Amino acid sequence: MTRVIIPAAVACSFLAISPAHASDIVYTPINPSFGGSPFNSAHLLGIASAQNKYKDPAAESKNSPADQFVRTLQSRLLSSLSTQITNLIFGENAKDSGLIKFGDQEIAFVRGLDSVTLTITNLSDGSVTEIVVPLLTGDGF
């Protein structure tokens, strides 16, 4: 029994004496935001989206049929208003100037020699937007 233990002990001592071979430990990030491979971005985004349990309460309430109807109606009214303003400025009986009020909006237009200036004023907060539309002449066509 002592014969088996001695060769095993000798073999273990030779292994302990032999030099160890190792390399440096190098950290490589996974996230592309921190220098990782850009091919990981879609995978990481998919994992983050799958784990995200947050639902925006405002996004859910805007998709009700009543809200969709109000948005559609508002869009149609604004489209009709813009058609009427366009006819006042560029139509058959075009005016040189005018003022249109619609809710909290006030739209003033003035026709110049080479352009039409639209001034849109929001009466609730006082913000003013000015749009200059060049007039097209028939000479270049």
Protein backbone atom coordinates (compact mmCIF):
# COMPACT_ATOMS: atom_id res chain seq x y z
CA MET A 1 0.00 0.00 0.00
CA THR A 2 2.87 2.32 0.54
CA ARG A 3 4.08 1.67 -2.98
CA VAL A 4 0.98 3.23 -4.59
CA ILE A 5 1.08 6.35 -2.46
CA ILE A 6 4.72 7.12 -3.14
CA PRO A 7 4.47 7.25 -6.97
CA ALA A 8 1.34 9.38 -6.73
CA ALA A 9 3.03 11.76 -4.33
CA VAL A 10 6.05 12.04 -6.61
CA ALA A 11 3.84 12.75 -9.63
CA CYS A 12 1.97 15.48 -7.75
CA SER A 13 5.21 17.11 -6.66
CA PHE A 14 6.42 17.28 -10.28
CA LEU A 15 3.19 18.94 -11.33
CA ALA A 16 3.49 21.51 -8.56
CA ILE A 17 7.05 22.36 -9.58
CA SER A 18 6.33 22.83 -13.29
CA PRO A 19 5.72 26.45 -14.40
CA ALA A 20 2.15 27.61 -14.91
CA HIS A 21 1.12 29.01 -18.28
CA ALA A 22 -1.47 31.79 -18.23
CA SER A 23 -2.41 34.93 -20.12
CA ASP A 24 -3.65 38.34 -19.04
CA ILE A 25 -7.33 38.68 -18.23
CA VAL A 26 -8.86 41.19 -20.65
CA TYR A 27 -12.33 42.61 -20.10
CA THR A 28 -14.38 42.99 -23.27
CA PRO A 29 -17.68 44.85 -22.82
CA ILE A 30 -20.85 43.40 -24.29
CA ASN A 31 -22.89 46.60 -24.56
CA PRO A 32 -22.02 48.59 -27.72
CA SER A 33 -22.53 51.83 -25.77
CA PHE A 34 -19.43 50.98 -23.77
CA GLY A 35 -17.23 49.74 -26.62
CA GLY A 36 -18.71 46.29 -27.21
CA SER A 37 -19.56 44.77 -30.54
CA PRO A 38 -22.18 46.77 -32.47
CA PHE A 39 -23.78 43.48 -33.52
CA ASN A 40 -25.03 43.02 -29.95
CA SER A 41 -27.29 46.09 -30.02
CA ALA A 42 -30.38 44.46 -31.56
CA HIS A 43 -30.15 41.52 -29.19
CA LEU A 44 -29.74 43.73 -26.12
CA LEU A 45 -32.63 45.96 -27.21
CA GLY A 46 -34.85 42.91 -27.67
CA ILE A 47 -34.02 41.64 -24.19
CA ALA A 48 -34.65 45.09 -22.65
CA SER A 49 -37.98 45.43 -24.46
CA ALA A 50 -39.07 41.97 -23.31
CA GLN A 51 -38.27 42.86 -19.69
CA ASN A 52 -39.91 46.30 -19.82
CA LYS A 53 -43.25 46.08 -18.03
CA TYR A 54 -43.95 49.83 -18.04
CA LYS A 55 -46.99 50.93 -20.03
CA ASP A 56 -47.56 54.62 -20.68
CA PRO A 57 -51.05 55.42 -19.38
CA ALA A 58 -51.32 58.46 -21.64
CA ALA A 59 -50.67 56.35 -24.74
CA GLU A 60 -53.51 53.97 -23.97
CA SER A 61 -56.12 56.69 -23.44
CA LYS A 62 -55.37 58.37 -26.77
CA ASN A 63 -56.45 55.34 -28.76
CA SER A 64 -60.07 55.22 -27.65
CA PRO A 65 -62.68 55.56 -30.41
CA ALA A 66 -63.91 58.87 -28.95
CA ASP A 67 -60.39 60.35 -29.02
CA GLN A 68 -59.87 59.13 -32.59
CA PHE A 69 -63.15 60.76 -33.62
CA VAL A 70 -62.19 64.07 -32.00
CA ARG A 71 -58.79 64.05 -33.74
CA THR A 72 -60.39 63.24 -37.11
CA LEU A 73 -63.01 65.95 -36.69
CA GLN A 74 -60.40 68.50 -35.65
CA SER A 75 -58.25 67.57 -38.65
CA ARG A 76 -61.20 67.96 -41.06
CA LEU A 77 -62.14 71.35 -39.58
CA LEU A 78 -58.57 72.63 -39.83
CA SER A 79 -58.34 71.34 -43.39
CA SER A 80 -61.56 73.16 -44.31
CA LEU A 81 -60.27 76.34 -42.66
CA SER A 82 -56.97 76.14 -44.54
CA THR A 83 -58.87 75.70 -47.83
CA GLN A 84 -60.96 78.81 -47.08
CA ILE A 85 -57.85 80.84 -46.21
CA THR A 86 -56.10 79.66 -49.36
CA ASN A 87 -59.11 80.70 -51.44
CA LEU A 88 -59.13 84.15 -49.75
CA ILE A 89 -55.45 84.67 -50.55
CA PHE A 90 -55.01 82.95 -53.92
CA GLY A 91 -58.53 82.28 -55.23
CA GLU A 92 -60.64 83.99 -57.90
CA ASN A 93 -61.60 86.94 -55.68
CA ALA A 94 -58.29 87.21 -53.81
CA LYS A 95 -58.10 89.82 -51.06
CA ASP A 96 -55.07 92.03 -50.36
CA SER A 97 -55.32 91.56 -46.60
CA GLY A 98 -57.53 89.93 -44.02
CA LEU A 99 -57.93 88.63 -40.49
CA ILE A 100 -59.42 85.25 -39.56
CA LYS A 101 -60.11 84.13 -35.98
CA PHE A 102 -60.54 80.46 -35.16
CA GLY A 103 -60.70 79.50 -31.50
CA ASP A 104 -57.51 80.77 -29.82
CA GLN A 105 -55.82 81.34 -33.19
CA GLU A 106 -55.75 84.58 -35.14
CA ILE A 107 -54.50 84.44 -38.73
CA ALA A 108 -53.68 87.71 -40.49
CA PHE A 109 -52.48 87.87 -44.09
CA VAL A 110 -51.08 90.71 -46.17
CA ARG A 111 -50.41 90.43 -49.92
CA GLY A 112 -47.26 92.20 -51.10
CA LEU A 113 -45.82 92.61 -54.60
CA ASP A 114 -43.84 89.37 -54.57
CA SER A 115 -45.08 87.48 -51.49
CA VAL A 116 -47.89 86.92 -49.02
CA THR A 117 -47.11 87.24 -45.32
CA LEU A 118 -49.15 85.11 -42.92
CA THR A 119 -49.00 85.98 -39.22
CA ILE A 120 -50.46 83.31 -36.93
CA THR A 121 -51.00 84.44 -33.33
CA ASN A 122 -51.91 82.09 -30.51
CA LEU A 123 -54.10 84.26 -28.29
CA SER A 124 -53.85 81.93 -25.27
CA ASP A 125 -50.07 82.20 -24.86
CA GLY A 126 -49.18 85.12 -27.15
CA SER A 127 -46.84 83.18 -29.43
CA VAL A 128 -46.53 84.46 -32.99
CA THR A 129 -45.53 82.53 -36.12
CA GLU A 130 -44.83 84.35 -39.36
CA ILE A 131 -44.83 82.60 -42.74
CA VAL A 132 -43.78 84.30 -45.98
CA VAL A 133 -45.11 82.62 -49.15
CA PRO A 134 -43.57 83.81 -52.42
CA LEU A 135 -46.00 84.58 -55.23
CA LEU A 136 -45.37 82.66 -58.43
CA THR A 137 -45.44 84.64 -61.66
CA GLY A 138 -46.37 83.23 -65.06
CA ASP A 139 -43.25 84.71 -66.73
CA GLY A 140 -40.88 81.84 -65.83
CA PHE A 141 -43.12 79.07 -67.12
